[in-house]
Amino acid sequence: MYQDNYVRLKEIVDADGVIINVKNHRKADGSMDVEKNLNTWNNAINSFPHVTSLWPKGQTPGYDDRALLQPEPSIVFIPAQGVSEVRPTIIVACGGGFMTRTGCEGINVAEYFARCGFNCAILTYRLQPYGRKDALLDMQRAIRLIRAKKDEFGVTDRVICMGFSAGGMLSGNAATHFDNGDPDAADPVEKQSCRPDAAVLGYGAFSFAALPGGFFVDPFSDQIRNPFFADKEELIYYSPEVNISRQTPPFFIWQTNSDDPRNSFAMGQALTAMGIPFEMHLFPEGVHGLALADGHNDLAMDIPSVAKWAELCVDWMNRL
């Protein structure tokens, strides 16, 4: 039945249905048009025939009515196209600074990788005013849910987290903070491990401990204040480069050099120190937010040299 979701996904992508050109991101007063952004995402997600809630309705931990444009977290499962064997699943987490949702980084990316033979799950995770803990809980629950429902979805229990910008940060967190599940849990989903089998990080300022300012301040300034974190302890917890262990899964890391490439260097150095396999690609052309870099993004940028990241990533995942 989930093939209906792919049909709808293709319709949205072909119509550029979730792309909001960057010139329309802000209101006349210069503030971010969060309402337009979230309504665009919500309308697209609600148009899918099958949306799977991460928790039963009304049972999402910490969820309330503080943000009316944020529904309870969910996934839209998209089956792999053109393959007969049972395949892994990619959880796709869009960016948006934990404030909005960059649709091309979720819906368009899922359509591409589904065509390349991977099951995909488009994740709607919580944004501000919810915290980073809530977003990570949503990603972890999505990993558990796919494994708990693998027979229903027709997938293996192998799960890859893929994210862009804020979603890249979230994927890095999921790959460095996980557990094996609770065998005594009454909820069968909670019995499952939330450790992903791999993580794909696209242009995220994820190395916050190594580069405390992220995108937000001069890294040589004495006045570093990162808006994503309340204090130093929280910053360290959500900095994957200082939370890597021997149990950390493999990584695929890519970005353009318009973002500070030391984010990727710091991750690569930390992964190397622990002997964790990774592949890294840094592109001299392009800017933040390109998604597939095929012209179908909020920047309307088509950069073939950068678009190669997706082919490289498919090859990497197939080799895994």
C-alpha atoms as a PDB file:
ATOM      1  CA  MET A   1       0.000   0.000   0.000  1.00  0.00           C
ATOM      2  CA  TYR A   2       2.937   2.358   0.586  1.00  0.00           C
ATOM      3  CA  GLN A   3       3.574   2.574  -3.148  1.00  0.00           C
ATOM      4  CA  ASP A   4       0.785   5.171  -3.106  1.00  0.00           C
ATOM      5  CA  ASN A   5       3.118   7.340  -1.069  1.00  0.00           C
ATOM      6  CA  TYR A   6       5.751   7.223  -3.808  1.00  0.00           C
ATOM      7  CA  VAL A   7       3.184   8.217  -6.427  1.00  0.00           C
ATOM      8  CA  ARG A   8       2.242  11.258  -4.360  1.00  0.00           C
ATOM      9  CA  LEU A   9       5.889  12.039  -3.628  1.00  0.00           C
ATOM     10  CA  LYS A  10       6.668  12.120  -7.342  1.00  0.00           C
ATOM     11  CA  GLU A  11       3.773  14.505  -7.933  1.00  0.00           C
ATOM     12  CA  ILE A  12       5.035  16.909  -5.272  1.00  0.00           C
ATOM     13  CA  VAL A  13       8.609  16.809  -6.564  1.00  0.00           C
ATOM     14  CA  ASP A  14       7.594  17.262 -10.208  1.00  0.00           C
ATOM     15  CA  ALA A  15       5.552  20.341  -9.212  1.00  0.00           C
ATOM     16  CA  ASP A  16       8.328  21.801  -6.986  1.00  0.00           C
ATOM     17  CA  GLY A  17       5.612  21.620  -4.362  1.00  0.00           C
ATOM     18  CA  VAL A  18       7.729  22.291  -1.265  1.00  0.00           C
ATOM     19  CA  ILE A  19      10.253  24.716  -2.717  1.00  0.00           C
ATOM     20  CA  ILE A  20      10.053  28.294  -1.409  1.00  0.00           C
ATOM     21  CA  ASN A  21      12.496  30.558  -3.193  1.00  0.00           C
ATOM     22  CA  VAL A  22      14.905  32.229  -0.804  1.00  0.00           C
ATOM     23  CA  LYS A  23      13.540  35.675  -1.671  1.00  0.00           C
ATOM     24  CA  ASN A  24      10.220  34.557  -0.157  1.00  0.00           C
ATOM     25  CA  HIS A  25      11.645  33.220   3.104  1.00  0.00           C
ATOM     26  CA  ARG A  26      11.038  36.445   5.013  1.00  0.00           C
ATOM     27  CA  LYS A  27       8.177  38.813   5.695  1.00  0.00           C
ATOM     28  CA  ALA A  28       8.231  42.489   4.776  1.00  0.00           C
ATOM     29  CA  ASP A  29       9.665  43.335   8.208  1.00  0.00           C
ATOM     30  CA  GLY A  30      12.626  41.001   7.634  1.00  0.00           C
ATOM     31  CA  SER A  31      11.521  38.286  10.062  1.00  0.00           C
ATOM     32  CA  MET A  32      11.393  34.653   8.977  1.00  0.00           C
ATOM     33  CA  ASP A  33       8.001  33.656   7.590  1.00  0.00           C
ATOM     34  CA  VAL A  34       7.705  30.561   9.765  1.00  0.00           C
ATOM     35  CA  GLU A  35       3.957  30.243   9.234  1.00  0.00           C
ATOM     36  CA  LYS A  36       4.248  30.048   5.439  1.00  0.00           C
ATOM     37  CA  ASN A  37       7.103  27.590   5.702  1.00  0.00           C
ATOM     38  CA  LEU A  38       5.428  25.204   8.126  1.00  0.00           C
ATOM     39  CA  ASN A  39       2.093  25.364   6.308  1.00  0.00           C
ATOM     40  CA  THR A  40       3.841  24.426   3.057  1.00  0.00           C
ATOM     41  CA  TRP A  41       5.476  21.401   4.710  1.00  0.00           C
ATOM     42  CA  ASN A  42       2.326  20.376   6.614  1.00  0.00           C
ATOM     43  CA  ASN A  43       0.130  20.567   3.513  1.00  0.00           C
ATOM     44  CA  ALA A  44       2.571  18.364   1.606  1.00  0.00           C
ATOM     45  CA  ILE A  45       2.880  15.783   4.374  1.00  0.00           C
ATOM     46  CA  ASN A  46      -0.865  15.684   4.977  1.00  0.00           C
ATOM     47  CA  SER A  47      -1.434  14.961   1.283  1.00  0.00           C
ATOM     48  CA  PHE A  48       0.285  11.569   1.497  1.00  0.00           C
ATOM     49  CA  PRO A  49      -2.104   8.604   1.675  1.00  0.00           C
ATOM     50  CA  HIS A  50      -0.194   7.044   4.583  1.00  0.00           C
ATOM     51  CA  VAL A  51       1.467   9.067   7.350  1.00  0.00           C
ATOM     52  CA  THR A  52       2.854   7.023  10.260  1.00  0.00           C
ATOM     53  CA  SER A  53       2.877   8.678  13.683  1.00  0.00           C
ATOM     54  CA  LEU A  54       5.944   7.949  15.782  1.00  0.00           C
ATOM     55  CA  TRP A  55       3.806   7.465  18.887  1.00  0.00           C
ATOM     56  CA  PRO A  56       0.093   6.740  19.252  1.00  0.00           C
ATOM     57  CA  LYS A  57      -1.906   9.961  19.036  1.00  0.00           C
ATOM     58  CA  GLY A  58      -1.672  11.956  22.236  1.00  0.00           C
ATOM     59  CA  GLN A  59       1.204   9.870  23.621  1.00  0.00           C
ATOM     60  CA  THR A  60       4.246  11.721  22.252  1.00  0.00           C
ATOM     61  CA  PRO A  61       6.472  12.453  25.283  1.00  0.00           C
ATOM     62  CA  GLY A  62       6.604  16.183  26.006  1.00  0.00           C
ATOM     63  CA  TYR A  63       4.235  17.132  23.174  1.00  0.00           C
ATOM     64  CA  ASP A  64       1.572  19.756  23.809  1.00  0.00           C
ATOM     65  CA  ASP A  65      -0.187  22.634  22.071  1.00  0.00           C
ATOM     66  CA  ARG A  66       2.580  25.212  22.475  1.00  0.00           C
ATOM     67  CA  ALA A  67       3.226  25.304  18.711  1.00  0.00           C
ATOM     68  CA  LEU A  68      -0.004  24.910  16.746  1.00  0.00           C
ATOM     69  CA  LEU A  69       1.736  24.476  13.370  1.00  0.00           C
ATOM     70  CA  GLN A  70       3.745  21.514  14.642  1.00  0.00           C
ATOM     71  CA  PRO A  71       1.849  18.220  14.499  1.00  0.00           C
ATOM     72  CA  GLU A  72       2.945  15.235  16.510  1.00  0.00           C
ATOM     73  CA  PRO A  73       6.149  13.824  14.959  1.00  0.00           C
ATOM     74  CA  SER A  74       5.772  11.331  12.135  1.00  0.00           C
ATOM     75  CA  ILE A  75       7.381   9.613   9.174  1.00  0.00           C
ATOM     76  CA  VAL A  76       6.156   9.147   5.625  1.00  0.00           C
ATOM     77  CA  PHE A  77       7.445   5.788   4.445  1.00  0.00           C
ATOM     78  CA  ILE A  78       8.502   5.623   0.787  1.00  0.00           C
ATOM     79  CA  PRO A  79       9.304   2.175  -0.653  1.00  0.00           C
ATOM     80  CA  ALA A  80      12.412   1.585  -2.768  1.00  0.00           C
ATOM     81  CA  GLN A  81      11.727   1.672  -6.498  1.00  0.00           C
ATOM     82  CA  GLY A  82      12.877  -0.812  -9.103  1.00  0.00           C
ATOM     83  CA  VAL A  83      14.241  -3.467  -6.754  1.00  0.00           C
ATOM     84  CA  SER A  84      12.945  -6.883  -5.762  1.00  0.00           C
ATOM     85  CA  GLU A  85      15.128  -7.654  -2.757  1.00  0.00           C
ATOM     86  CA  VAL A  86      14.446  -6.381   0.764  1.00  0.00           C
ATOM     87  CA  ARG A  87      16.477  -3.207   1.279  1.00  0.00           C
ATOM     88  CA  PRO A  88      17.617  -0.835   4.073  1.00  0.00           C
ATOM     89  CA  THR A  89      15.811   2.395   4.961  1.00  0.00           C
ATOM     90  CA  ILE A  90      17.107   5.966   4.968  1.00  0.00           C
ATOM     91  CA  ILE A  91      15.519   8.363   7.460  1.00  0.00           C
ATOM     92  CA  VAL A  92      15.674  11.775   5.779  1.00  0.00           C
ATOM     93  CA  ALA A  93      15.818  14.806   8.099  1.00  0.00           C
ATOM     94  CA  CYS A  94      15.517  18.210   6.445  1.00  0.00           C
ATOM     95  CA  GLY A  95      17.225  21.343   7.736  1.00  0.00           C
ATOM     96  CA  GLY A  96      15.828  24.721   8.694  1.00  0.00           C
ATOM     97  CA  GLY A  97      17.770  25.798  11.759  1.00  0.00           C
ATOM     98  CA  PHE A  98      15.373  23.920  14.092  1.00  0.00           C
ATOM     99  CA  MET A  99      12.897  26.722  13.283  1.00  0.00           C
ATOM    100  CA  THR A 100      11.595  25.899   9.788  1.00  0.00           C
ATOM    101  CA  ARG A 101      11.695  22.987   7.312  1.00  0.00           C
ATOM    102  CA  THR A 102      13.600  23.099   4.018  1.00  0.00           C
ATOM    103  CA  GLY A 103      11.301  20.941   1.945  1.00  0.00           C
ATOM    104  CA  CYS A 104      13.732  20.076  -0.862  1.00  0.00           C
ATOM    105  CA  GLU A 105      16.087  18.550   1.734  1.00  0.00           C
ATOM    106  CA  GLY A 106      13.363  16.146   2.836  1.00  0.00           C
ATOM    107  CA  ILE A 107      10.872  15.401   0.079  1.00  0.00           C
ATOM    108  CA  ASN A 108      13.099  15.871  -2.989  1.00  0.00           C
ATOM    109  CA  VAL A 109      15.980  13.960  -1.430  1.00  0.00           C
ATOM    110  CA  ALA A 110      13.688  11.060  -0.470  1.00  0.00           C
ATOM    111  CA  GLU A 111      12.399  10.813  -4.039  1.00  0.00           C
ATOM    112  CA  TYR A 112      15.937  10.651  -5.423  1.00  0.00           C
ATOM    113  CA  PHE A 113      17.148   7.925  -3.080  1.00  0.00           C
ATOM    114  CA  ALA A 114      13.928   5.901  -3.457  1.00  0.00           C
ATOM    115  CA  ARG A 115      14.581   5.884  -7.225  1.00  0.00           C
ATOM    116  CA  CYS A 116      18.102   4.673  -6.429  1.00  0.00           C
ATOM    117  CA  GLY A 117      16.740   1.593  -4.666  1.00  0.00           C
ATOM    118  CA  PHE A 118      16.551   2.647  -1.008  1.00  0.00           C
ATOM    119  CA  ASN A 119      13.498   2.740   1.192  1.00  0.00           C
ATOM    120  CA  CYS A 120      13.100   6.211   2.672  1.00  0.00           C
ATOM    121  CA  ALA A 121      11.251   7.694   5.625  1.00  0.00           C
ATOM    122  CA  ILE A 122      10.643  11.453   5.566  1.00  0.00           C
ATOM    123  CA  LEU A 123      10.902  12.602   9.170  1.00  0.00           C
ATOM    124  CA  THR A 124       8.834  15.425  10.647  1.00  0.00           C
ATOM    125  CA  TYR A 125      10.679  16.150  13.892  1.00  0.00           C
ATOM    126  CA  ARG A 126       9.973  18.825  16.474  1.00  0.00           C
ATOM    127  CA  LEU A 127      11.343  22.349  16.082  1.00  0.00           C
ATOM    128  CA  GLN A 128      11.566  25.383  18.372  1.00  0.00           C
ATOM    129  CA  PRO A 129      10.054  26.067  20.865  1.00  0.00           C
ATOM    130  CA  TYR A 130      10.720  22.369  21.486  1.00  0.00           C
ATOM    131  CA  GLY A 131      14.346  21.594  22.302  1.00  0.00           C
ATOM    132  CA  ARG A 132      17.167  19.586  20.780  1.00  0.00           C
ATOM    133  CA  LYS A 133      16.325  16.746  23.176  1.00  0.00           C
ATOM    134  CA  ASP A 134      12.833  16.480  21.672  1.00  0.00           C
ATOM    135  CA  ALA A 135      14.193  16.438  18.111  1.00  0.00           C
ATOM    136  CA  LEU A 136      16.706  13.718  18.988  1.00  0.00           C
ATOM    137  CA  LEU A 137      13.993  11.692  20.731  1.00  0.00           C
ATOM    138  CA  ASP A 138      11.943  11.864  17.519  1.00  0.00           C
ATOM    139  CA  MET A 139      14.836  10.610  15.397  1.00  0.00           C
ATOM    140  CA  GLN A 140      15.581   7.801  17.842  1.00  0.00           C
ATOM    141  CA  ARG A 141      11.920   6.783  17.895  1.00  0.00           C
ATOM    142  CA  ALA A 142      11.819   6.756  14.085  1.00  0.00           C
ATOM    143  CA  ILE A 143      14.763   4.326  14.008  1.00  0.00           C
ATOM    144  CA  ARG A 144      13.063   2.048  16.528  1.00  0.00           C
ATOM    145  CA  LEU A 145       9.726   2.258  14.695  1.00  0.00           C
ATOM    146  CA  ILE A 146      11.151   1.181  11.347  1.00  0.00           C
ATOM    147  CA  ARG A 147      12.742  -1.865  12.965  1.00  0.00           C
ATOM    148  CA  ALA A 148       9.565  -2.704  14.884  1.00  0.00           C
ATOM    149  CA  LYS A 149       7.492  -2.459  11.685  1.00  0.00           C
ATOM    150  CA  LYS A 150      10.023  -3.955   9.282  1.00  0.00           C
ATOM    151  CA  ASP A 151       7.635  -6.720   8.188  1.00  0.00           C
ATOM    152  CA  GLU A 152       4.841  -4.222   7.524  1.00  0.00           C
ATOM    153  CA  PHE A 153       7.162  -1.916   5.586  1.00  0.00           C
ATOM    154  CA  GLY A 154       8.952  -4.804   3.854  1.00  0.00           C
ATOM    155  CA  VAL A 155      12.436  -3.637   4.870  1.00  0.00           C
ATOM    156  CA  THR A 156      15.522  -4.942   6.618  1.00  0.00           C
ATOM    157  CA  ASP A 157      16.358  -3.715  10.096  1.00  0.00           C
ATOM    158  CA  ARG A 158      19.273  -1.656   8.726  1.00  0.00           C
ATOM    159  CA  VAL A 159      18.634   2.085   9.082  1.00  0.00           C
ATOM    160  CA  ILE A 160      20.669   5.048   7.836  1.00  0.00           C
ATOM    161  CA  CYS A 161      20.165   8.571   9.197  1.00  0.00           C
ATOM    162  CA  MET A 162      20.569  11.270   6.538  1.00  0.00           C
ATOM    163  CA  GLY A 163      20.272  14.968   7.311  1.00  0.00           C
ATOM    164  CA  PHE A 164      21.074  18.408   6.008  1.00  0.00           C
ATOM    165  CA  SER A 165      22.082  21.479   8.014  1.00  0.00           C
ATOM    166  CA  ALA A 166      20.049  21.128  11.245  1.00  0.00           C
ATOM    167  CA  GLY A 167      19.022  17.659  10.078  1.00  0.00           C
ATOM    168  CA  GLY A 168      22.707  16.851   9.651  1.00  0.00           C
ATOM    169  CA  MET A 169      23.328  17.898  13.226  1.00  0.00           C
ATOM    170  CA  LEU A 170      20.426  15.680  14.300  1.00  0.00           C
ATOM    171  CA  SER A 171      21.761  12.710  12.324  1.00  0.00           C
ATOM    172  CA  GLY A 172      25.173  13.174  13.922  1.00  0.00           C
ATOM    173  CA  ASN A 173      23.551  13.185  17.347  1.00  0.00           C
ATOM    174  CA  ALA A 174      21.593  10.008  16.607  1.00  0.00           C
ATOM    175  CA  ALA A 175      24.808   8.280  15.506  1.00  0.00           C
ATOM    176  CA  THR A 176      26.595   9.179  18.757  1.00  0.00           C
ATOM    177  CA  HIS A 177      23.775   8.876  21.332  1.00  0.00           C
ATOM    178  CA  PHE A 178      21.906   5.569  21.196  1.00  0.00           C
ATOM    179  CA  ASP A 179      20.932   2.490  23.178  1.00  0.00           C
ATOM    180  CA  ASN A 180      20.042  -1.144  22.519  1.00  0.00           C
ATOM    181  CA  GLY A 181      16.388  -0.752  23.472  1.00  0.00           C
ATOM    182  CA  ASP A 182      14.540  -1.862  26.582  1.00  0.00           C
ATOM    183  CA  PRO A 183      13.757  -5.597  26.433  1.00  0.00           C
ATOM    184  CA  ASP A 184      11.267  -5.195  29.270  1.00  0.00           C
ATOM    185  CA  ALA A 185       9.305  -2.337  27.675  1.00  0.00           C
ATOM    186  CA  ALA A 186       5.561  -2.800  27.272  1.00  0.00           C
ATOM    187  CA  ASP A 187       5.757  -0.876  23.989  1.00  0.00           C
ATOM    188  CA  PRO A 188       7.249  -3.179  21.321  1.00  0.00           C
ATOM    189  CA  VAL A 189       8.798  -0.183  19.556  1.00  0.00           C
ATOM    190  CA  GLU A 190      10.852   0.677  22.635  1.00  0.00           C
ATOM    191  CA  LYS A 191      12.328  -2.832  22.645  1.00  0.00           C
ATOM    192  CA  GLN A 192      14.268  -1.930  19.487  1.00  0.00           C
ATOM    193  CA  SER A 193      17.742  -0.435  19.289  1.00  0.00           C
ATOM    194  CA  CYS A 194      17.984   3.196  18.164  1.00  0.00           C
ATOM    195  CA  ARG A 195      21.571   2.854  16.915  1.00  0.00           C
ATOM    196  CA  PRO A 196      21.652   3.677  13.195  1.00  0.00           C
ATOM    197  CA  ASP A 197      23.792   1.527  10.917  1.00  0.00           C
ATOM    198  CA  ALA A 198      25.258   4.608   9.220  1.00  0.00           C
ATOM    199  CA  ALA A 199      24.888   8.386   9.126  1.00  0.00           C
ATOM    200  CA  VAL A 200      25.002  10.850   6.223  1.00  0.00           C
ATOM    201  CA  LEU A 201      25.758  14.441   7.224  1.00  0.00           C
ATOM    202  CA  GLY A 202      25.186  17.197   4.706  1.00  0.00           C
ATOM    203  CA  TYR A 203      26.545  20.705   5.358  1.00  0.00           C
ATOM    204  CA  GLY A 204      25.811  20.901   9.058  1.00  0.00           C
ATOM    205  CA  ALA A 205      27.704  23.019  11.587  1.00  0.00           C
ATOM    206  CA  PHE A 206      27.996  19.884  13.672  1.00  0.00           C
ATOM    207  CA  SER A 207      31.414  20.248  15.305  1.00  0.00           C
ATOM    208  CA  PHE A 208      30.351  22.690  17.990  1.00  0.00           C
ATOM    209  CA  ALA A 209      32.926  21.699  20.573  1.00  0.00           C
ATOM    210  CA  ALA A 210      35.730  22.017  18.026  1.00  0.00           C
ATOM    211  CA  LEU A 211      34.261  25.252  16.566  1.00  0.00           C
ATOM    212  CA  PRO A 212      32.080  26.725  19.326  1.00  0.00           C
ATOM    213  CA  GLY A 213      30.732  29.562  17.181  1.00  0.00           C
ATOM    214  CA  GLY A 214      29.305  27.439  14.408  1.00  0.00           C
ATOM    215  CA  PHE A 215      27.863  29.634  11.660  1.00  0.00           C
ATOM    216  CA  PHE A 216      27.028  32.447  13.996  1.00  0.00           C
ATOM    217  CA  VAL A 217      30.127  34.329  15.058  1.00  0.00           C
ATOM    218  CA  ASP A 218      33.689  35.004  14.053  1.00  0.00           C
ATOM    219  CA  PRO A 219      35.551  31.848  15.211  1.00  0.00           C
ATOM    220  CA  PHE A 220      38.409  34.083  16.383  1.00  0.00           C
ATOM    221  CA  SER A 221      36.123  36.234  18.533  1.00  0.00           C
ATOM    222  CA  ASP A 222      36.289  36.203  22.320  1.00  0.00           C
ATOM    223  CA  GLN A 223      32.496  36.599  22.433  1.00  0.00           C
ATOM    224  CA  ILE A 224      31.261  33.214  21.241  1.00  0.00           C
ATOM    225  CA  ARG A 225      27.590  32.588  21.914  1.00  0.00           C
ATOM    226  CA  ASN A 226      25.820  29.815  20.042  1.00  0.00           C
ATOM    227  CA  PRO A 227      22.023  30.160  19.936  1.00  0.00           C
ATOM    228  CA  PHE A 228      21.414  26.409  19.715  1.00  0.00           C
ATOM    229  CA  PHE A 229      22.560  25.669  23.280  1.00  0.00           C
ATOM    230  CA  ALA A 230      21.741  26.868  26.783  1.00  0.00           C
ATOM    231  CA  ASP A 231      25.153  26.159  28.283  1.00  0.00           C
ATOM    232  CA  LYS A 232      28.518  24.502  27.698  1.00  0.00           C
ATOM    233  CA  GLU A 233      27.335  21.095  28.925  1.00  0.00           C
ATOM    234  CA  GLU A 234      24.540  21.052  26.383  1.00  0.00           C
ATOM    235  CA  LEU A 235      26.902  22.171  23.634  1.00  0.00           C
ATOM    236  CA  ILE A 236      29.269  19.290  24.418  1.00  0.00           C
ATOM    237  CA  TYR A 237      26.434  16.747  24.522  1.00  0.00           C
ATOM    238  CA  TYR A 238      25.206  17.742  21.056  1.00  0.00           C
ATOM    239  CA  SER A 239      28.685  17.926  19.498  1.00  0.00           C
ATOM    240  CA  PRO A 240      29.127  14.520  17.827  1.00  0.00           C
ATOM    241  CA  GLU A 241      32.881  14.893  17.400  1.00  0.00           C
ATOM    242  CA  VAL A 242      33.392  14.553  21.160  1.00  0.00           C
ATOM    243  CA  ASN A 243      30.850  11.733  21.607  1.00  0.00           C
ATOM    244  CA  ILE A 244      32.305   9.189  19.187  1.00  0.00           C
ATOM    245  CA  SER A 245      32.968   5.723  20.580  1.00  0.00           C
ATOM    246  CA  ARG A 246      34.037   2.357  19.207  1.00  0.00           C
ATOM    247  CA  GLN A 247      30.302   1.608  18.734  1.00  0.00           C
ATOM    248  CA  THR A 248      29.711   4.641  16.504  1.00  0.00           C
ATOM    249  CA  PRO A 249      28.529   3.645  12.990  1.00  0.00           C
ATOM    250  CA  PRO A 250      30.194   4.702   9.706  1.00  0.00           C
ATOM    251  CA  PHE A 251      29.712   8.237   8.353  1.00  0.00           C
ATOM    252  CA  PHE A 252      29.371   9.875   4.944  1.00  0.00           C
ATOM    253  CA  ILE A 253      30.135  13.601   5.253  1.00  0.00           C
ATOM    254  CA  TRP A 254      29.793  16.251   2.569  1.00  0.00           C
ATOM    255  CA  GLN A 255      29.622  20.017   2.351  1.00  0.00           C
ATOM    256  CA  THR A 256      30.645  22.977   0.240  1.00  0.00           C
ATOM    257  CA  ASN A 257      33.525  25.136   1.380  1.00  0.00           C
ATOM    258  CA  SER A 258      31.176  28.094   1.794  1.00  0.00           C
ATOM    259  CA  ASP A 259      30.592  26.544   5.205  1.00  0.00           C
ATOM    260  CA  ASP A 260      33.686  26.225   7.373  1.00  0.00           C
ATOM    261  CA  PRO A 261      35.230  22.901   6.253  1.00  0.00           C
ATOM    262  CA  ARG A 262      36.820  22.530   9.678  1.00  0.00           C
ATOM    263  CA  ASN A 263      33.440  21.126  10.763  1.00  0.00           C
ATOM    264  CA  SER A 264      34.117  18.116   8.552  1.00  0.00           C
ATOM    265  CA  PHE A 265      37.818  18.006   9.401  1.00  0.00           C
ATOM    266  CA  ALA A 266      37.024  17.831  13.122  1.00  0.00           C
ATOM    267  CA  MET A 267      34.568  14.978  12.565  1.00  0.00           C
ATOM    268  CA  GLY A 268      37.001  13.123  10.339  1.00  0.00           C
ATOM    269  CA  GLN A 269      39.815  13.480  12.846  1.00  0.00           C
ATOM    270  CA  ALA A 270      37.630  12.188  15.691  1.00  0.00           C
ATOM    271  CA  LEU A 271      36.331   9.257  13.625  1.00  0.00           C
ATOM    272  CA  THR A 272      39.890   8.368  12.607  1.00  0.00           C
ATOM    273  CA  ALA A 273      41.018   8.383  16.237  1.00  0.00           C
ATOM    274  CA  MET A 274      38.365   5.777  17.060  1.00  0.00           C
ATOM    275  CA  GLY A 275      38.882   3.734  13.912  1.00  0.00           C
ATOM    276  CA  ILE A 276      35.368   4.431  12.577  1.00  0.00           C
ATOM    277  CA  PRO A 277      35.075   4.210   8.759  1.00  0.00           C
ATOM    278  CA  PHE A 278      33.980   7.345   6.929  1.00  0.00           C
ATOM    279  CA  GLU A 279      33.919   8.956   3.513  1.00  0.00           C
ATOM    280  CA  MET A 280      34.198  12.739   3.104  1.00  0.00           C
ATOM    281  CA  HIS A 281      33.668  15.104   0.181  1.00  0.00           C
ATOM    282  CA  LEU A 282      34.302  18.861   0.229  1.00  0.00           C
ATOM    283  CA  PHE A 283      33.241  20.893  -2.806  1.00  0.00           C
ATOM    284  CA  PRO A 284      34.832  24.256  -3.644  1.00  0.00           C
ATOM    285  CA  GLU A 285      31.725  25.449  -5.502  1.00  0.00           C
ATOM    286  CA  GLY A 286      28.258  26.127  -4.135  1.00  0.00           C
ATOM    287  CA  VAL A 287      26.724  27.357  -0.902  1.00  0.00           C
ATOM    288  CA  HIS A 288      24.741  26.152   2.091  1.00  0.00           C
ATOM    289  CA  GLY A 289      21.295  24.679   1.400  1.00  0.00           C
ATOM    290  CA  LEU A 290      21.770  23.106  -2.039  1.00  0.00           C
ATOM    291  CA  ALA A 291      20.103  19.760  -1.216  1.00  0.00           C
ATOM    292  CA  LEU A 292      20.594  17.743  -4.444  1.00  0.00           C
ATOM    293  CA  ALA A 293      22.199  20.784  -6.168  1.00  0.00           C
ATOM    294  CA  ASP A 294      20.025  20.079  -9.214  1.00  0.00           C
ATOM    295  CA  GLY A 295      18.257  23.432  -9.460  1.00  0.00           C
ATOM    296  CA  HIS A 296      15.251  22.195  -7.498  1.00  0.00           C
ATOM    297  CA  ASN A 297      16.085  23.936  -4.235  1.00  0.00           C
ATOM    298  CA  ASP A 298      15.207  27.204  -2.528  1.00  0.00           C
ATOM    299  CA  LEU A 299      18.282  28.826  -4.094  1.00  0.00           C
ATOM    300  CA  ALA A 300      17.404  27.658  -7.644  1.00  0.00           C
ATOM    301  CA  MET A 301      21.038  26.564  -8.014  1.00  0.00           C
ATOM    302  CA  ASP A 302      22.056  23.798 -10.408  1.00  0.00           C
ATOM    303  CA  ILE A 303      25.709  22.896  -9.791  1.00  0.00           C
ATOM    304  CA  PRO A 304      26.596  19.546 -11.430  1.00  0.00           C
ATOM    305  CA  SER A 305      29.938  19.249  -9.650  1.00  0.00           C
ATOM    306  CA  VAL A 306      28.206  19.394  -6.250  1.00  0.00           C
ATOM    307  CA  ALA A 307      25.278  17.231  -7.374  1.00  0.00           C
ATOM    308  CA  LYS A 308      27.735  14.337  -7.628  1.00  0.00           C
ATOM    309  CA  TRP A 309      27.572  13.967  -3.829  1.00  0.00           C
ATOM    310  CA  ALA A 310      24.337  11.992  -4.185  1.00  0.00           C
ATOM    311  CA  GLU A 311      25.833   9.503  -6.660  1.00  0.00           C
ATOM    312  CA  LEU A 312      28.855   9.095  -4.422  1.00  0.00           C
ATOM    313  CA  CYS A 313      26.576   8.525  -1.442  1.00  0.00           C
ATOM    314  CA  VAL A 314      24.551   5.846  -3.255  1.00  0.00           C
ATOM    315  CA  ASP A 315      27.766   4.035  -4.119  1.00  0.00           C
ATOM    316  CA  TRP A 316      28.973   4.308  -0.513  1.00  0.00           C
ATOM    317  CA  MET A 317      25.709   2.928   0.920  1.00  0.00           C
ATOM    318  CA  ASN A 318      25.663   0.064  -1.542  1.00  0.00           C
ATOM    319  CA  ARG A 319      29.199  -0.852  -0.498  1.00  0.00           C
ATOM    320  CA  LEU A 320      28.134  -0.844   3.137  1.00  0.00           C
END
